[in-house]
Amino acid sequence: MGIAISMGALCTALADVPGTIIHKRNGLLISTTLIFITALVTGLVASNTG
């Protein structure tokens, strides 16, 4: 759980750049979506390696 949280914070921090609020929002939404997809795929693959 701690690794997932720290990876999420790291990836989301990359989108926190100077710019307009629209660019910040879009960057955070994209990074959150990518983190969710990555965690979902990793969970599915890890449960099928039996």
PDB file of N, CA and C in Angstrom:
ATOM      1  N   MET A   1       0.830  -1.189   0.000  1.00  0.00           N
ATOM      2  CA  MET A   1       0.000   0.000   0.000  1.00  0.00           C
ATOM      3  C   MET A   1       0.875   1.253   0.000  1.00  0.00           C
ATOM      4  N   GLY A   2       1.929   1.227   0.768  1.00  0.00           N
ATOM      5  CA  GLY A   2       2.809   2.397   0.846  1.00  0.00           C
ATOM      6  C   GLY A   2       3.513   2.683  -0.463  1.00  0.00           C
ATOM      7  N   ILE A   3       3.908   1.617  -1.165  1.00  0.00           N
ATOM      8  CA  ILE A   3       4.571   1.810  -2.455  1.00  0.00           C
ATOM      9  C   ILE A   3       3.603   2.405  -3.458  1.00  0.00           C
ATOM     10  N   ALA A   4       2.358   1.939  -3.468  1.00  0.00           N
ATOM     11  CA  ALA A   4       1.366   2.470  -4.396  1.00  0.00           C
ATOM     12  C   ALA A   4       1.098   3.950  -4.129  1.00  0.00           C
ATOM     13  N   ILE A   5       1.007   4.320  -2.867  1.00  0.00           N
ATOM     14  CA  ILE A   5       0.758   5.717  -2.516  1.00  0.00           C
ATOM     15  C   ILE A   5       1.945   6.597  -2.910  1.00  0.00           C
ATOM     16  N   SER A   6       3.151   6.118  -2.633  1.00  0.00           N
ATOM     17  CA  SER A   6       4.321   6.931  -2.970  1.00  0.00           C
ATOM     18  C   SER A   6       4.506   7.054  -4.481  1.00  0.00           C
ATOM     19  N   MET A   7       4.212   5.992  -5.232  1.00  0.00           N
ATOM     20  CA  MET A   7       4.300   6.075  -6.697  1.00  0.00           C
ATOM     21  C   MET A   7       3.244   7.026  -7.247  1.00  0.00           C
ATOM     22  N   GLY A   8       2.052   7.003  -6.673  1.00  0.00           N
ATOM     23  CA  GLY A   8       0.999   7.926  -7.085  1.00  0.00           C
ATOM     24  C   GLY A   8       1.379   9.371  -6.815  1.00  0.00           C
ATOM     25  N   ALA A   9       1.971   9.614  -5.656  1.00  0.00           N
ATOM     26  CA  ALA A   9       2.405  10.974  -5.321  1.00  0.00           C
ATOM     27  C   ALA A   9       3.516  11.433  -6.255  1.00  0.00           C
ATOM     28  N   LEU A  10       4.434  10.540  -6.587  1.00  0.00           N
ATOM     29  CA  LEU A  10       5.531  10.885  -7.481  1.00  0.00           C
ATOM     30  C   LEU A  10       5.010  11.211  -8.879  1.00  0.00           C
ATOM     31  N   CYS A  11       4.141  10.374  -9.394  1.00  0.00           N
ATOM     32  CA  CYS A  11       3.616  10.599 -10.749  1.00  0.00           C
ATOM     33  C   CYS A  11       2.729  11.843 -10.818  1.00  0.00           C
ATOM     34  N   THR A  12       1.961  12.096  -9.770  1.00  0.00           N
ATOM     35  CA  THR A  12       1.107  13.274  -9.760  1.00  0.00           C
ATOM     36  C   THR A  12       1.929  14.550  -9.593  1.00  0.00           C
ATOM     37  N   ALA A  13       3.033  14.478  -8.880  1.00  0.00           N
ATOM     38  CA  ALA A  13       3.881  15.652  -8.685  1.00  0.00           C
ATOM     39  C   ALA A  13       4.501  16.118 -10.000  1.00  0.00           C
ATOM     40  N   LEU A  14       4.693  15.206 -10.935  1.00  0.00           N
ATOM     41  CA  LEU A  14       5.248  15.589 -12.232  1.00  0.00           C
ATOM     42  C   LEU A  14       4.304  16.504 -13.006  1.00  0.00           C
ATOM     43  N   ALA A  15       3.012  16.376 -12.766  1.00  0.00           N
ATOM     44  CA  ALA A  15       2.041  17.228 -13.457  1.00  0.00           C
ATOM     45  C   ALA A  15       1.873  18.582 -12.775  1.00  0.00           C
ATOM     46  N   ASP A  16       2.449  18.744 -11.610  1.00  0.00           N
ATOM     47  CA  ASP A  16       2.307  19.991 -10.855  1.00  0.00           C
ATOM     48  C   ASP A  16       3.384  20.978 -11.316  1.00  0.00           C
ATOM     49  N   VAL A  17       3.153  21.591 -12.457  1.00  0.00           N
ATOM     50  CA  VAL A  17       4.104  22.513 -13.068  1.00  0.00           C
ATOM     51  C   VAL A  17       3.467  23.896 -13.164  1.00  0.00           C
ATOM     52  N   PRO A  18       4.284  24.923 -13.301  1.00  0.00           N
ATOM     53  CA  PRO A  18       3.705  26.253 -13.476  1.00  0.00           C
ATOM     54  C   PRO A  18       2.905  26.337 -14.770  1.00  0.00           C
ATOM     55  N   GLY A  19       1.803  27.003 -14.714  1.00  0.00           N
ATOM     56  CA  GLY A  19       0.968  27.164 -15.895  1.00  0.00           C
ATOM     57  C   GLY A  19      -0.444  27.515 -15.483  1.00  0.00           C
ATOM     58  N   THR A  20      -1.319  27.479 -16.460  1.00  0.00           N
ATOM     59  CA  THR A  20      -2.709  27.810 -16.177  1.00  0.00           C
ATOM     60  C   THR A  20      -3.365  26.679 -15.398  1.00  0.00           C
ATOM     61  N   ILE A  21      -4.463  26.994 -14.766  1.00  0.00           N
ATOM     62  CA  ILE A  21      -5.179  26.002 -13.966  1.00  0.00           C
ATOM     63  C   ILE A  21      -5.716  24.891 -14.859  1.00  0.00           C
ATOM     64  N   ILE A  22      -6.024  25.191 -16.106  1.00  0.00           N
ATOM     65  CA  ILE A  22      -6.530  24.169 -17.027  1.00  0.00           C
ATOM     66  C   ILE A  22      -5.445  23.138 -17.324  1.00  0.00           C
ATOM     67  N   HIS A  23      -4.211  23.601 -17.562  1.00  0.00           N
ATOM     68  CA  HIS A  23      -3.117  22.671 -17.820  1.00  0.00           C
ATOM     69  C   HIS A  23      -2.804  21.818 -16.592  1.00  0.00           C
ATOM     70  N   LYS A  24      -2.864  22.427 -15.419  1.00  0.00           N
ATOM     71  CA  LYS A  24      -2.629  21.673 -14.186  1.00  0.00           C
ATOM     72  C   LYS A  24      -3.698  20.612 -13.993  1.00  0.00           C
ATOM     73  N   ARG A  25      -4.955  21.000 -14.195  1.00  0.00           N
ATOM     74  CA  ARG A  25      -6.063  20.058 -14.032  1.00  0.00           C
ATOM     75  C   ARG A  25      -5.944  18.900 -15.013  1.00  0.00           C
ATOM     76  N   ASN A  26      -5.657  19.219 -16.270  1.00  0.00           N
ATOM     77  CA  ASN A  26      -5.531  18.167 -17.272  1.00  0.00           C
ATOM     78  C   ASN A  26      -4.373  17.227 -16.949  1.00  0.00           C
ATOM     79  N   GLY A  27      -3.257  17.761 -16.526  1.00  0.00           N
ATOM     80  CA  GLY A  27      -2.112  16.936 -16.165  1.00  0.00           C
ATOM     81  C   GLY A  27      -2.410  16.021 -14.999  1.00  0.00           C
ATOM     82  N   LEU A  28      -3.098  16.549 -13.992  1.00  0.00           N
ATOM     83  CA  LEU A  28      -3.443  15.732 -12.831  1.00  0.00           C
ATOM     84  C   LEU A  28      -4.455  14.653 -13.190  1.00  0.00           C
ATOM     85  N   LEU A  29      -5.427  14.981 -14.032  1.00  0.00           N
ATOM     86  CA  LEU A  29      -6.409  13.977 -14.444  1.00  0.00           C
ATOM     87  C   LEU A  29      -5.768  12.869 -15.273  1.00  0.00           C
ATOM     88  N   ILE A  30      -4.887  13.235 -16.179  1.00  0.00           N
ATOM     89  CA  ILE A  30      -4.207  12.240 -17.004  1.00  0.00           C
ATOM     90  C   ILE A  30      -3.319  11.354 -16.151  1.00  0.00           C
ATOM     91  N   SER A  31      -2.547  11.945 -15.250  1.00  0.00           N
ATOM     92  CA  SER A  31      -1.662  11.131 -14.417  1.00  0.00           C
ATOM     93  C   SER A  31      -2.461  10.235 -13.476  1.00  0.00           C
ATOM     94  N   THR A  32      -3.566  10.714 -12.948  1.00  0.00           N
ATOM     95  CA  THR A  32      -4.405   9.886 -12.085  1.00  0.00           C
ATOM     96  C   THR A  32      -4.998   8.716 -12.859  1.00  0.00           C
ATOM     97  N   THR A  33      -5.425   8.971 -14.081  1.00  0.00           N
ATOM     98  CA  THR A  33      -5.969   7.907 -14.919  1.00  0.00           C
ATOM     99  C   THR A  33      -4.905   6.866 -15.248  1.00  0.00           C
ATOM    100  N   LEU A  34      -3.712   7.315 -15.589  1.00  0.00           N
ATOM    101  CA  LEU A  34      -2.638   6.382 -15.902  1.00  0.00           C
ATOM    102  C   LEU A  34      -2.239   5.547 -14.684  1.00  0.00           C
ATOM    103  N   ILE A  35      -2.207   6.165 -13.513  1.00  0.00           N
ATOM    104  CA  ILE A  35      -1.880   5.432 -12.286  1.00  0.00           C
ATOM    105  C   ILE A  35      -2.948   4.378 -12.006  1.00  0.00           C
ATOM    106  N   PHE A  36      -4.213   4.741 -12.196  1.00  0.00           N
ATOM    107  CA  PHE A  36      -5.301   3.791 -11.968  1.00  0.00           C
ATOM    108  C   PHE A  36      -5.209   2.607 -12.929  1.00  0.00           C
ATOM    109  N   ILE A  37      -4.979   2.886 -14.197  1.00  0.00           N
ATOM    110  CA  ILE A  37      -4.879   1.816 -15.197  1.00  0.00           C
ATOM    111  C   ILE A  37      -3.684   0.916 -14.897  1.00  0.00           C
ATOM    112  N   THR A  38      -2.560   1.509 -14.542  1.00  0.00           N
ATOM    113  CA  THR A  38      -1.371   0.726 -14.219  1.00  0.00           C
ATOM    114  C   THR A  38      -1.613  -0.170 -13.004  1.00  0.00           C
ATOM    115  N   ALA A  39      -2.237   0.362 -11.971  1.00  0.00           N
ATOM    116  CA  ALA A  39      -2.529  -0.430 -10.773  1.00  0.00           C
ATOM    117  C   ALA A  39      -3.525  -1.542 -11.084  1.00  0.00           C
ATOM    118  N   LEU A  40      -4.510  -1.259 -11.915  1.00  0.00           N
ATOM    119  CA  LEU A  40      -5.502  -2.260 -12.285  1.00  0.00           C
ATOM    120  C   LEU A  40      -4.865  -3.400 -13.075  1.00  0.00           C
ATOM    121  N   VAL A  41      -4.063  -3.066 -14.075  1.00  0.00           N
ATOM    122  CA  VAL A  41      -3.393  -4.095 -14.881  1.00  0.00           C
ATOM    123  C   VAL A  41      -2.424  -4.902 -14.025  1.00  0.00           C
ATOM    124  N   THR A  42      -1.681  -4.244 -13.160  1.00  0.00           N
ATOM    125  CA  THR A  42      -0.754  -4.959 -12.291  1.00  0.00           C
ATOM    126  C   THR A  42      -1.496  -5.914 -11.367  1.00  0.00           C
ATOM    127  N   GLY A  43      -2.610  -5.492 -10.823  1.00  0.00           N
ATOM    128  CA  GLY A  43      -3.403  -6.363  -9.960  1.00  0.00           C
ATOM    129  C   GLY A  43      -3.967  -7.549 -10.705  1.00  0.00           C
ATOM    130  N   LEU A  44      -4.424  -7.350 -11.931  1.00  0.00           N
ATOM    131  CA  LEU A  44      -4.955  -8.441 -12.720  1.00  0.00           C
ATOM    132  C   LEU A  44      -3.861  -9.434 -13.111  1.00  0.00           C
ATOM    133  N   VAL A  45      -2.702  -8.937 -13.480  1.00  0.00           N
ATOM    134  CA  VAL A  45      -1.608  -9.820 -13.867  1.00  0.00           C
ATOM    135  C   VAL A  45      -1.077 -10.580 -12.660  1.00  0.00           C
ATOM    136  N   ALA A  46      -0.986  -9.917 -11.518  1.00  0.00           N
ATOM    137  CA  ALA A  46      -0.462 -10.566 -10.323  1.00  0.00           C
ATOM    138  C   ALA A  46      -1.399 -11.676  -9.841  1.00  0.00           C
ATOM    139  N   SER A  47      -2.700 -11.521 -10.047  1.00  0.00           N
ATOM    140  CA  SER A  47      -3.619 -12.554  -9.596  1.00  0.00           C
ATOM    141  C   SER A  47      -3.683 -13.737 -10.560  1.00  0.00           C
ATOM    142  N   ASN A  48      -3.172 -13.586 -11.769  1.00  0.00           N
ATOM    143  CA  ASN A  48      -3.201 -14.667 -12.762  1.00  0.00           C
ATOM    144  C   ASN A  48      -1.882 -15.409 -12.906  1.00  0.00           C
ATOM    145  N   THR A  49      -0.944 -15.186 -12.023  1.00  0.00           N
ATOM    146  CA  THR A  49       0.360 -15.833 -12.153  1.00  0.00           C
ATOM    147  C   THR A  49       0.454 -17.067 -11.258  1.00  0.00           C
ATOM    148  N   GLY A  50      -0.622 -17.802 -11.115  1.00  0.00           N
ATOM    149  CA  GLY A  50      -0.666 -18.932 -10.215  1.00  0.00           C
ATOM    150  C   GLY A  50      -0.163 -20.142 -10.831  1.00  0.00           C
TER     151      GLY A  50
END
